[in-house]
Amino acid sequence: VAGVVFALLADQIAWTAVLLIAVGATVGGRLGAA
């Protein structure tokens, strides 16, 4: 919910950082659950 608000309304977003964190966090999320 917060991410949608930020994507629509925030003045600036560091999309390169978003992509890097997203890739890492997706792998990490599966590892953490396991």
PDB file of all heavy atoms in Angstrom:
ATOM      1  N   VAL A   1       0.837  -1.203   0.000  1.00  0.00           N
ATOM      2  CA  VAL A   1       0.000   0.000   0.000  1.00  0.00           C
ATOM      3  C   VAL A   1       0.874   1.256   0.000  1.00  0.00           C
ATOM      4  O   VAL A   1       0.661   2.185  -0.799  1.00  0.00           O
ATOM      5  CB  VAL A   1      -0.944  -0.001   1.222  1.00  0.00           C
ATOM      6  CG1 VAL A   1      -1.624   1.356   1.382  1.00  0.00           C
ATOM      7  CG2 VAL A   1      -2.000  -1.098   1.072  1.00  0.00           C
ATOM      8  N   ALA A   2       1.865   1.295   0.895  1.00  0.00           N
ATOM      9  CA  ALA A   2       2.748   2.456   0.941  1.00  0.00           C
ATOM     10  C   ALA A   2       3.536   2.598  -0.357  1.00  0.00           C
ATOM     11  O   ALA A   2       3.732   3.719  -0.857  1.00  0.00           O
ATOM     12  CB  ALA A   2       3.705   2.341   2.129  1.00  0.00           C
ATOM     13  N   GLY A   3       3.974   1.471  -0.926  1.00  0.00           N
ATOM     14  CA  GLY A   3       4.734   1.528  -2.173  1.00  0.00           C
ATOM     15  C   GLY A   3       3.920   2.107  -3.316  1.00  0.00           C
ATOM     16  O   GLY A   3       4.437   2.882  -4.132  1.00  0.00           O
ATOM     17  N   VAL A   4       2.649   1.743  -3.400  1.00  0.00           N
ATOM     18  CA  VAL A   4       1.780   2.302  -4.444  1.00  0.00           C
ATOM     19  C   VAL A   4       1.626   3.808  -4.249  1.00  0.00           C
ATOM     20  O   VAL A   4       1.697   4.598  -5.213  1.00  0.00           O
ATOM     21  CB  VAL A   4       0.407   1.603  -4.433  1.00  0.00           C
ATOM     22  CG1 VAL A   4      -0.582   2.335  -5.332  1.00  0.00           C
ATOM     23  CG2 VAL A   4       0.546   0.156  -4.876  1.00  0.00           C
ATOM     24  N   VAL A   5       1.418   4.227  -3.003  1.00  0.00           N
ATOM     25  CA  VAL A   5       1.304   5.670  -2.715  1.00  0.00           C
ATOM     26  C   VAL A   5       2.575   6.389  -3.128  1.00  0.00           C
ATOM     27  O   VAL A   5       2.537   7.443  -3.793  1.00  0.00           O
ATOM     28  CB  VAL A   5       1.020   5.893  -1.219  1.00  0.00           C
ATOM     29  CG1 VAL A   5       1.093   7.389  -0.876  1.00  0.00           C
ATOM     30  CG2 VAL A   5      -0.349   5.340  -0.851  1.00  0.00           C
ATOM     31  N   PHE A   6       3.726   5.842  -2.763  1.00  0.00           N
ATOM     32  CA  PHE A   6       4.991   6.489  -3.101  1.00  0.00           C
ATOM     33  C   PHE A   6       5.213   6.532  -4.609  1.00  0.00           C
ATOM     34  O   PHE A   6       5.668   7.541  -5.150  1.00  0.00           O
ATOM     35  CB  PHE A   6       6.152   5.757  -2.433  1.00  0.00           C
ATOM     36  CG  PHE A   6       6.121   5.789  -0.931  1.00  0.00           C
ATOM     37  CD1 PHE A   6       6.662   4.756  -0.187  1.00  0.00           C
ATOM     38  CD2 PHE A   6       5.541   6.853  -0.252  1.00  0.00           C
ATOM     39  CE1 PHE A   6       6.644   4.781   1.198  1.00  0.00           C
ATOM     40  CE2 PHE A   6       5.503   6.891   1.130  1.00  0.00           C
ATOM     41  CZ  PHE A   6       6.061   5.852   1.859  1.00  0.00           C
ATOM     42  N   ALA A   7       4.904   5.423  -5.298  1.00  0.00           N
ATOM     43  CA  ALA A   7       5.117   5.374  -6.741  1.00  0.00           C
ATOM     44  C   ALA A   7       4.263   6.404  -7.468  1.00  0.00           C
ATOM     45  O   ALA A   7       4.683   6.973  -8.487  1.00  0.00           O
ATOM     46  CB  ALA A   7       4.803   3.962  -7.263  1.00  0.00           C
ATOM     47  N   LEU A   8       3.067   6.658  -6.933  1.00  0.00           N
ATOM     48  CA  LEU A   8       2.158   7.606  -7.584  1.00  0.00           C
ATOM     49  C   LEU A   8       2.415   9.055  -7.198  1.00  0.00           C
ATOM     50  O   LEU A   8       2.233   9.966  -8.020  1.00  0.00           O
ATOM     51  CB  LEU A   8       0.705   7.246  -7.251  1.00  0.00           C
ATOM     52  CG  LEU A   8       0.181   5.918  -7.812  1.00  0.00           C
ATOM     53  CD1 LEU A   8      -1.226   5.655  -7.305  1.00  0.00           C
ATOM     54  CD2 LEU A   8       0.211   5.928  -9.340  1.00  0.00           C
ATOM     55  N   LEU A   9       2.847   9.291  -5.953  1.00  0.00           N
ATOM     56  CA  LEU A   9       2.852  10.655  -5.427  1.00  0.00           C
ATOM     57  C   LEU A   9       4.220  11.193  -5.022  1.00  0.00           C
ATOM     58  O   LEU A   9       4.362  12.419  -4.865  1.00  0.00           O
ATOM     59  CB  LEU A   9       1.913  10.743  -4.211  1.00  0.00           C
ATOM     60  CG  LEU A   9       0.445  10.375  -4.462  1.00  0.00           C
ATOM     61  CD1 LEU A   9      -0.347  10.459  -3.161  1.00  0.00           C
ATOM     62  CD2 LEU A   9      -0.166  11.291  -5.518  1.00  0.00           C
ATOM     63  N   ALA A  10       5.200  10.341  -4.817  1.00  0.00           N
ATOM     64  CA  ALA A  10       6.499  10.838  -4.353  1.00  0.00           C
ATOM     65  C   ALA A  10       7.177  11.664  -5.437  1.00  0.00           C
ATOM     66  O   ALA A  10       7.088  11.357  -6.635  1.00  0.00           O
ATOM     67  CB  ALA A  10       7.393   9.670  -3.947  1.00  0.00           C
ATOM     68  N   ASP A  11       7.854  12.731  -5.008  1.00  0.00           N
ATOM     69  CA  ASP A  11       8.548  13.597  -5.960  1.00  0.00           C
ATOM     70  C   ASP A  11       9.702  12.884  -6.639  1.00  0.00           C
ATOM     71  O   ASP A  11       9.956  13.078  -7.832  1.00  0.00           O
ATOM     72  CB  ASP A  11       9.079  14.846  -5.239  1.00  0.00           C
ATOM     73  CG  ASP A  11       7.960  15.755  -4.749  1.00  0.00           C
ATOM     74  OD1 ASP A  11       6.874  15.725  -5.360  1.00  0.00           O
ATOM     75  OD2 ASP A  11       8.169  16.472  -3.757  1.00  0.00           O
ATOM     76  N   GLN A  12      10.440  12.077  -5.887  1.00  0.00           N
ATOM     77  CA  GLN A  12      11.593  11.381  -6.428  1.00  0.00           C
ATOM     78  C   GLN A  12      11.626   9.939  -5.921  1.00  0.00           C
ATOM     79  O   GLN A  12      11.303   9.672  -4.764  1.00  0.00           O
ATOM     80  CB  GLN A  12      12.899  12.073  -6.023  1.00  0.00           C
ATOM     81  CG  GLN A  12      13.180  13.363  -6.766  1.00  0.00           C
ATOM     82  CD  GLN A  12      14.547  13.909  -6.395  1.00  0.00           C
ATOM     83  OE1 GLN A  12      14.858  14.105  -5.232  1.00  0.00           O
ATOM     84  NE2 GLN A  12      15.369  14.155  -7.394  1.00  0.00           N
ATOM     85  N   ILE A  13      12.038   9.024  -6.801  1.00  0.00           N
ATOM     86  CA  ILE A  13      12.272   7.627  -6.438  1.00  0.00           C
ATOM     87  C   ILE A  13      13.553   7.180  -7.131  1.00  0.00           C
ATOM     88  O   ILE A  13      13.742   7.429  -8.329  1.00  0.00           O
ATOM     89  CB  ILE A  13      11.102   6.724  -6.879  1.00  0.00           C
ATOM     90  CG1 ILE A  13       9.809   7.131  -6.166  1.00  0.00           C
ATOM     91  CG2 ILE A  13      11.416   5.253  -6.575  1.00  0.00           C
ATOM     92  CD1 ILE A  13       8.578   6.430  -6.694  1.00  0.00           C
ATOM     93  N   ALA A  14      14.430   6.542  -6.395  1.00  0.00           N
ATOM     94  CA  ALA A  14      15.680   6.030  -6.964  1.00  0.00           C
ATOM     95  C   ALA A  14      15.408   4.649  -7.550  1.00  0.00           C
ATOM     96  O   ALA A  14      15.592   3.625  -6.887  1.00  0.00           O
ATOM     97  CB  ALA A  14      16.769   5.980  -5.899  1.00  0.00           C
ATOM     98  N   TRP A  15      14.980   4.605  -8.793  1.00  0.00           N
ATOM     99  CA  TRP A  15      14.509   3.356  -9.379  1.00  0.00           C
ATOM    100  C   TRP A  15      15.623   2.331  -9.543  1.00  0.00           C
ATOM    101  O   TRP A  15      15.363   1.117  -9.496  1.00  0.00           O
ATOM    102  CB  TRP A  15      13.820   3.623 -10.715  1.00  0.00           C
ATOM    103  CG  TRP A  15      12.475   4.266 -10.554  1.00  0.00           C
ATOM    104  CD1 TRP A  15      12.127   5.546 -10.857  1.00  0.00           C
ATOM    105  CD2 TRP A  15      11.300   3.649 -10.010  1.00  0.00           C
ATOM    106  NE1 TRP A  15      10.811   5.768 -10.551  1.00  0.00           N
ATOM    107  CE2 TRP A  15      10.273   4.627 -10.035  1.00  0.00           C
ATOM    108  CE3 TRP A  15      11.014   2.381  -9.518  1.00  0.00           C
ATOM    109  CZ2 TRP A  15       8.990   4.363  -9.577  1.00  0.00           C
ATOM    110  CZ3 TRP A  15       9.734   2.116  -9.062  1.00  0.00           C
ATOM    111  CH2 TRP A  15       8.734   3.098  -9.091  1.00  0.00           C
ATOM    112  N   THR A  16      16.854   2.782  -9.737  1.00  0.00           N
ATOM    113  CA  THR A  16      17.965   1.820  -9.801  1.00  0.00           C
ATOM    114  C   THR A  16      18.105   1.080  -8.473  1.00  0.00           C
ATOM    115  O   THR A  16      18.240  -0.154  -8.426  1.00  0.00           O
ATOM    116  CB  THR A  16      19.285   2.537 -10.137  1.00  0.00           C
ATOM    117  OG1 THR A  16      19.161   3.177 -11.406  1.00  0.00           O
ATOM    118  CG2 THR A  16      20.435   1.548 -10.181  1.00  0.00           C
ATOM    119  N   ALA A  17      18.049   1.825  -7.374  1.00  0.00           N
ATOM    120  CA  ALA A  17      18.118   1.212  -6.046  1.00  0.00           C
ATOM    121  C   ALA A  17      16.918   0.309  -5.808  1.00  0.00           C
ATOM    122  O   ALA A  17      17.048  -0.784  -5.226  1.00  0.00           O
ATOM    123  CB  ALA A  17      18.199   2.289  -4.970  1.00  0.00           C
ATOM    124  N   VAL A  18      15.738   0.733  -6.247  1.00  0.00           N
ATOM    125  CA  VAL A  18      14.528  -0.091  -6.102  1.00  0.00           C
ATOM    126  C   VAL A  18      14.719  -1.438  -6.783  1.00  0.00           C
ATOM    127  O   VAL A  18      14.420  -2.500  -6.213  1.00  0.00           O
ATOM    128  CB  VAL A  18      13.304   0.637  -6.703  1.00  0.00           C
ATOM    129  CG1 VAL A  18      12.114  -0.316  -6.818  1.00  0.00           C
ATOM    130  CG2 VAL A  18      12.931   1.848  -5.857  1.00  0.00           C
ATOM    131  N   LEU A  19      15.226  -1.420  -8.019  1.00  0.00           N
ATOM    132  CA  LEU A  19      15.406  -2.654  -8.782  1.00  0.00           C
ATOM    133  C   LEU A  19      16.422  -3.571  -8.107  1.00  0.00           C
ATOM    134  O   LEU A  19      16.204  -4.791  -7.984  1.00  0.00           O
ATOM    135  CB  LEU A  19      15.851  -2.327 -10.201  1.00  0.00           C
ATOM    136  CG  LEU A  19      16.114  -3.530 -11.122  1.00  0.00           C
ATOM    137  CD1 LEU A  19      14.851  -4.362 -11.284  1.00  0.00           C
ATOM    138  CD2 LEU A  19      16.621  -3.054 -12.477  1.00  0.00           C
ATOM    139  N   LEU A  20      17.538  -3.010  -7.659  1.00  0.00           N
ATOM    140  CA  LEU A  20      18.575  -3.819  -7.019  1.00  0.00           C
ATOM    141  C   LEU A  20      18.074  -4.454  -5.730  1.00  0.00           C
ATOM    142  O   LEU A  20      18.304  -5.647  -5.461  1.00  0.00           O
ATOM    143  CB  LEU A  20      19.801  -2.954  -6.729  1.00  0.00           C
ATOM    144  CG  LEU A  20      20.585  -2.478  -7.961  1.00  0.00           C
ATOM    145  CD1 LEU A  20      21.595  -1.409  -7.554  1.00  0.00           C
ATOM    146  CD2 LEU A  20      21.288  -3.650  -8.637  1.00  0.00           C
ATOM    147  N   ILE A  21      17.373  -3.672  -4.906  1.00  0.00           N
ATOM    148  CA  ILE A  21      16.818  -4.212  -3.663  1.00  0.00           C
ATOM    149  C   ILE A  21      15.763  -5.263  -3.966  1.00  0.00           C
ATOM    150  O   ILE A  21      15.695  -6.315  -3.302  1.00  0.00           O
ATOM    151  CB  ILE A  21      16.230  -3.080  -2.801  1.00  0.00           C
ATOM    152  CG1 ILE A  21      17.351  -2.176  -2.273  1.00  0.00           C
ATOM    153  CG2 ILE A  21      15.418  -3.646  -1.636  1.00  0.00           C
ATOM    154  CD1 ILE A  21      16.857  -0.948  -1.549  1.00  0.00           C
ATOM    155  N   ALA A  22      14.932  -5.005  -4.972  1.00  0.00           N
ATOM    156  CA  ALA A  22      13.854  -5.940  -5.307  1.00  0.00           C
ATOM    157  C   ALA A  22      14.411  -7.298  -5.719  1.00  0.00           C
ATOM    158  O   ALA A  22      13.910  -8.347  -5.280  1.00  0.00           O
ATOM    159  CB  ALA A  22      12.994  -5.365  -6.427  1.00  0.00           C
ATOM    160  N   VAL A  23      15.439  -7.306  -6.553  1.00  0.00           N
ATOM    161  CA  VAL A  23      16.032  -8.569  -7.001  1.00  0.00           C
ATOM    162  C   VAL A  23      16.629  -9.316  -5.809  1.00  0.00           C
ATOM    163  O   VAL A  23      16.391 -10.511  -5.604  1.00  0.00           O
ATOM    164  CB  VAL A  23      17.107  -8.318  -8.079  1.00  0.00           C
ATOM    165  CG1 VAL A  23      17.866  -9.603  -8.380  1.00  0.00           C
ATOM    166  CG2 VAL A  23      16.462  -7.770  -9.345  1.00  0.00           C
ATOM    167  N   GLY A  24      17.417  -8.598  -5.010  1.00  0.00           N
ATOM    168  CA  GLY A  24      18.030  -9.232  -3.850  1.00  0.00           C
ATOM    169  C   GLY A  24      17.005  -9.712  -2.844  1.00  0.00           C
ATOM    170  O   GLY A  24      17.097 -10.834  -2.318  1.00  0.00           O
ATOM    171  N   ALA A  25      15.993  -8.885  -2.571  1.00  0.00           N
ATOM    172  CA  ALA A  25      14.995  -9.229  -1.557  1.00  0.00           C
ATOM    173  C   ALA A  25      14.125 -10.405  -1.979  1.00  0.00           C
ATOM    174  O   ALA A  25      13.668 -11.182  -1.131  1.00  0.00           O
ATOM    175  CB  ALA A  25      14.119  -8.013  -1.251  1.00  0.00           C
ATOM    176  N   THR A  26      13.874 -10.552  -3.282  1.00  0.00           N
ATOM    177  CA  THR A  26      13.073 -11.679  -3.754  1.00  0.00           C
ATOM    178  C   THR A  26      13.783 -12.997  -3.461  1.00  0.00           C
ATOM    179  O   THR A  26      13.178 -13.959  -2.956  1.00  0.00           O
ATOM    180  CB  THR A  26      12.801 -11.554  -5.263  1.00  0.00           C
ATOM    181  OG1 THR A  26      12.102 -10.317  -5.505  1.00  0.00           O
ATOM    182  CG2 THR A  26      11.967 -12.709  -5.767  1.00  0.00           C
ATOM    183  N   VAL A  27      15.074 -13.043  -3.764  1.00  0.00           N
ATOM    184  CA  VAL A  27      15.856 -14.244  -3.450  1.00  0.00           C
ATOM    185  C   VAL A  27      15.932 -14.436  -1.936  1.00  0.00           C
ATOM    186  O   VAL A  27      15.733 -15.536  -1.410  1.00  0.00           O
ATOM    187  CB  VAL A  27      17.272 -14.138  -4.051  1.00  0.00           C
ATOM    188  CG1 VAL A  27      18.113 -15.352  -3.663  1.00  0.00           C
ATOM    189  CG2 VAL A  27      17.198 -14.000  -5.563  1.00  0.00           C
ATOM    190  N   GLY A  28      16.198 -13.345  -1.225  1.00  0.00           N
ATOM    191  CA  GLY A  28      16.314 -13.430   0.230  1.00  0.00           C
ATOM    192  C   GLY A  28      15.028 -13.844   0.906  1.00  0.00           C
ATOM    193  O   GLY A  28      15.048 -14.564   1.912  1.00  0.00           O
ATOM    194  N   GLY A  29      13.888 -13.393   0.378  1.00  0.00           N
ATOM    195  CA  GLY A  29      12.606 -13.761   0.971  1.00  0.00           C
ATOM    196  C   GLY A  29      12.360 -15.253   0.924  1.00  0.00           C
ATOM    197  O   GLY A  29      11.875 -15.846   1.896  1.00  0.00           O
ATOM    198  N   ARG A  30      12.701 -15.888  -0.192  1.00  0.00           N
ATOM    199  CA  ARG A  30      12.536 -17.340  -0.285  1.00  0.00           C
ATOM    200  C   ARG A  30      13.519 -18.059   0.638  1.00  0.00           C
ATOM    201  O   ARG A  30      13.164 -19.036   1.304  1.00  0.00           O
ATOM    202  CB  ARG A  30      12.742 -17.813  -1.727  1.00  0.00           C
ATOM    203  CG  ARG A  30      11.670 -17.372  -2.697  1.00  0.00           C
ATOM    204  CD  ARG A  30      10.274 -17.836  -2.283  1.00  0.00           C
ATOM    205  NE  ARG A  30      10.203 -19.274  -2.046  1.00  0.00           N
ATOM    206  CZ  ARG A  30       9.973 -20.183  -2.977  1.00  0.00           C
ATOM    207  NH1 ARG A  30       9.807 -19.806  -4.230  1.00  0.00           N
ATOM    208  NH2 ARG A  30       9.894 -21.467  -2.659  1.00  0.00           N
ATOM    209  N   LEU A  31      14.754 -17.563   0.690  1.00  0.00           N
ATOM    210  CA  LEU A  31      15.745 -18.190   1.560  1.00  0.00           C
ATOM    211  C   LEU A  31      15.363 -18.036   3.032  1.00  0.00           C
ATOM    212  O   LEU A  31      15.497 -18.970   3.821  1.00  0.00           O
ATOM    213  CB  LEU A  31      17.128 -17.573   1.311  1.00  0.00           C
ATOM    214  CG  LEU A  31      17.785 -17.885  -0.030  1.00  0.00           C
ATOM    215  CD1 LEU A  31      19.083 -17.092  -0.177  1.00  0.00           C
ATOM    216  CD2 LEU A  31      18.050 -19.378  -0.166  1.00  0.00           C
ATOM    217  N   GLY A  32      14.905 -16.841   3.397  1.00  0.00           N
ATOM    218  CA  GLY A  32      14.533 -16.599   4.790  1.00  0.00           C
ATOM    219  C   GLY A  32      13.394 -17.475   5.245  1.00  0.00           C
ATOM    220  O   GLY A  32      13.399 -18.002   6.364  1.00  0.00           O
ATOM    221  N   ALA A  33      12.397 -17.642   4.374  1.00  0.00           N
ATOM    222  CA  ALA A  33      11.271 -18.510   4.729  1.00  0.00           C
ATOM    223  C   ALA A  33      11.721 -19.961   4.889  1.00  0.00           C
ATOM    224  O   ALA A  33      11.227 -20.682   5.758  1.00  0.00           O
ATOM    225  CB  ALA A  33      10.184 -18.410   3.653  1.00  0.00           C
ATOM    226  N   ALA A  34      12.678 -20.379   4.059  1.00  0.00           N
ATOM    227  CA  ALA A  34      13.134 -21.767   4.115  1.00  0.00           C
ATOM    228  C   ALA A  34      14.063 -22.030   5.294  1.00  0.00           C
ATOM    229  O   ALA A  34      14.061 -23.123   5.868  1.00  0.00           O
ATOM    230  CB  ALA A  34      13.851 -22.124   2.808  1.00  0.00           C
TER     231      ALA A  34
END
